[in-house]
Amino acid sequence: MHNIQVAETWTIAELATEYDVTLRTIRFYEDRGLLTPERRGTVRVYHPRDRVRLALILRGKRLGFSLDEIATIVDMYDTAPGEEGQLVYLLAQIAHRRADLEQRRADLEQTLTDLAEVEARCQADLDALRTRRG
């Protein structure tokens, strides 16, 4: 008896459900060349490579990378790990994204501080008006 291992595959609907995205989203990534499912007639058949790439694309989007940056990072999946240029690129992208997020956090904190000051002044003015009327 021979053990024949059949590679697991997924339909577009199965991937869409698993990753909670629309079919249109997956087709968009395919049109951009980020996913390359096998075609069996009009049916798309997604292999483990596509599934991993979809997960990487969605993670990249959550981290705020542009689609071009994601494409570069995802393409690294297909090459031997540990290539110096790839790792340097990825580290630079991470540093850039982190700096952007830190700046946004600082901007948000300043905005929250400004809002608290305006709120306190408005409340004090309202209290003063009510006291004079009262």
Protein backbone atom coordinates (compact mmCIF):
# COMPACT_ATOMS: atom_id res chain seq x y z
CA MET A 1 0.00 0.00 0.00
CA HIS A 2 1.40 3.37 -1.04
CA ASN A 3 0.87 6.53 0.92
CA ILE A 4 0.15 9.20 -1.64
CA GLN A 5 -0.03 12.67 -0.19
CA VAL A 6 -2.39 14.98 -2.00
CA ALA A 7 -1.61 18.67 -1.70
CA GLU A 8 -4.37 20.56 0.06
CA THR A 9 -6.14 23.14 -2.06
CA TRP A 10 -8.80 25.76 -1.46
CA THR A 11 -11.46 27.50 -3.51
CA ILE A 12 -11.70 31.26 -3.61
CA ALA A 13 -14.82 31.07 -1.42
CA GLU A 14 -13.02 28.95 1.19
CA LEU A 15 -10.13 31.42 1.40
CA ALA A 16 -12.51 34.38 1.53
CA THR A 17 -14.37 32.77 4.41
CA GLU A 18 -11.22 31.73 6.26
CA TYR A 19 -9.66 35.20 6.06
CA ASP A 20 -12.92 37.15 6.26
CA VAL A 21 -12.37 39.01 2.98
CA THR A 22 -14.49 39.36 -0.13
CA LEU A 23 -14.04 37.38 -3.33
CA ARG A 24 -13.36 40.71 -5.00
CA THR A 25 -10.45 41.35 -2.62
CA ILE A 26 -8.85 38.02 -3.48
CA ARG A 27 -9.37 38.62 -7.22
CA PHE A 28 -7.79 42.08 -6.81
CA TYR A 29 -4.68 40.53 -5.26
CA GLU A 30 -4.64 38.02 -8.09
CA ASP A 31 -4.89 40.83 -10.68
CA ARG A 32 -1.91 42.52 -8.98
CA GLY A 33 0.08 39.28 -9.33
CA LEU A 34 0.27 38.69 -5.58
CA LEU A 35 -1.71 35.44 -5.82
CA THR A 36 -1.38 32.95 -8.67
CA PRO A 37 -4.01 30.23 -8.33
CA GLU A 38 -4.10 27.30 -10.69
CA ARG A 39 -6.91 27.45 -13.23
CA ARG A 40 -9.03 24.39 -13.84
CA GLY A 41 -11.37 25.64 -16.51
CA THR A 42 -13.06 28.64 -14.94
CA VAL A 43 -12.36 27.49 -11.39
CA ARG A 44 -9.50 28.98 -9.38
CA VAL A 45 -7.62 26.45 -7.25
CA TYR A 46 -5.48 27.92 -4.50
CA HIS A 47 -2.49 26.01 -3.16
CA PRO A 48 -0.67 26.39 0.19
CA ARG A 49 1.65 29.01 -1.37
CA ASP A 50 -1.35 31.22 -2.18
CA ARG A 51 -2.82 30.72 1.26
CA VAL A 52 0.43 31.79 2.95
CA ARG A 53 0.79 34.75 0.61
CA LEU A 54 -2.78 35.89 1.36
CA ALA A 55 -2.03 35.73 5.09
CA LEU A 56 1.14 37.80 4.54
CA ILE A 57 -0.73 40.35 2.40
CA LEU A 58 -3.41 40.82 5.02
CA ARG A 59 -0.86 41.08 7.82
CA GLY A 60 1.03 43.70 5.82
CA LYS A 61 -2.16 45.69 5.33
CA ARG A 62 -2.90 45.53 9.07
CA LEU A 63 0.59 46.87 9.73
CA GLY A 64 -0.04 49.74 7.32
CA PHE A 65 2.29 48.79 4.49
CA SER A 66 1.42 49.92 0.95
CA LEU A 67 0.52 47.27 -1.61
CA ASP A 68 3.86 47.78 -3.39
CA GLU A 69 5.73 47.27 -0.11
CA ILE A 70 3.62 44.21 0.61
CA ALA A 71 4.36 42.83 -2.86
CA THR A 72 8.11 43.14 -2.24
CA ILE A 73 7.83 41.51 1.17
CA VAL A 74 5.51 38.73 -0.02
CA ASP A 75 7.80 37.97 -2.95
CA MET A 76 10.51 37.24 -0.38
CA TYR A 77 8.46 34.19 0.60
CA ASP A 78 9.35 32.57 -2.73
CA THR A 79 13.10 32.97 -2.34
CA ALA A 80 15.55 31.35 0.00
CA PRO A 81 15.23 32.69 3.54
CA GLY A 82 18.00 34.72 5.04
CA GLU A 83 19.05 36.65 1.96
CA GLU A 84 20.84 39.70 3.32
CA GLY A 85 19.23 42.18 0.94
CA GLN A 86 15.76 40.93 1.75
CA LEU A 87 16.29 41.13 5.47
CA VAL A 88 17.83 44.60 5.23
CA TYR A 89 14.86 45.77 3.14
CA LEU A 90 12.34 44.32 5.54
CA LEU A 91 14.09 45.79 8.58
CA ALA A 92 14.17 49.20 6.91
CA GLN A 93 10.44 48.97 6.13
CA ILE A 94 9.70 47.98 9.71
CA ALA A 95 11.77 50.89 11.07
CA HIS A 96 10.03 53.33 8.72
CA ARG A 97 6.57 52.02 9.65
CA ARG A 98 7.42 52.13 13.37
CA ALA A 99 8.60 55.75 13.10
CA ASP A 100 5.41 56.68 11.26
CA LEU A 101 3.24 55.02 13.92
CA GLU A 102 5.20 56.66 16.76
CA GLN A 103 4.66 60.07 15.13
CA ARG A 104 0.95 59.35 14.75
CA ARG A 105 0.77 58.31 18.40
CA ALA A 106 2.48 61.56 19.45
CA ASP A 107 0.06 63.54 17.24
CA LEU A 108 -2.92 61.72 18.77
CA GLU A 109 -1.67 62.31 22.30
CA GLN A 110 -1.23 66.03 21.56
CA THR A 111 -4.72 66.21 20.03
CA LEU A 112 -6.20 64.50 23.10
CA THR A 113 -4.39 66.96 25.37
CA ASP A 114 -5.67 69.90 23.28
CA LEU A 115 -9.23 68.53 23.40
CA ALA A 116 -9.05 68.10 27.18
CA GLU A 117 -7.94 71.73 27.56
CA VAL A 118 -10.75 73.03 25.32
CA GLU A 119 -13.24 70.80 27.11
CA ALA A 120 -12.14 72.12 30.52
CA ARG A 121 -12.45 75.74 29.33
CA CYS A 122 -15.91 75.07 27.85
CA GLN A 123 -17.06 73.37 31.04
CA ALA A 124 -15.73 76.26 33.16
CA ASP A 125 -17.50 78.80 30.92
CA LEU A 126 -20.73 76.77 31.09
CA ASP A 127 -20.49 76.50 34.87
CA ALA A 128 -19.89 80.28 35.11
CA LEU A 129 -22.94 81.00 32.93
CA ARG A 130 -25.12 78.71 34.98
CA THR A 131 -23.89 80.25 38.25
CA ARG A 132 -24.70 83.79 37.03
CA ARG A 133 -28.19 82.71 35.96
CA GLY A 134 -28.84 80.64 39.02
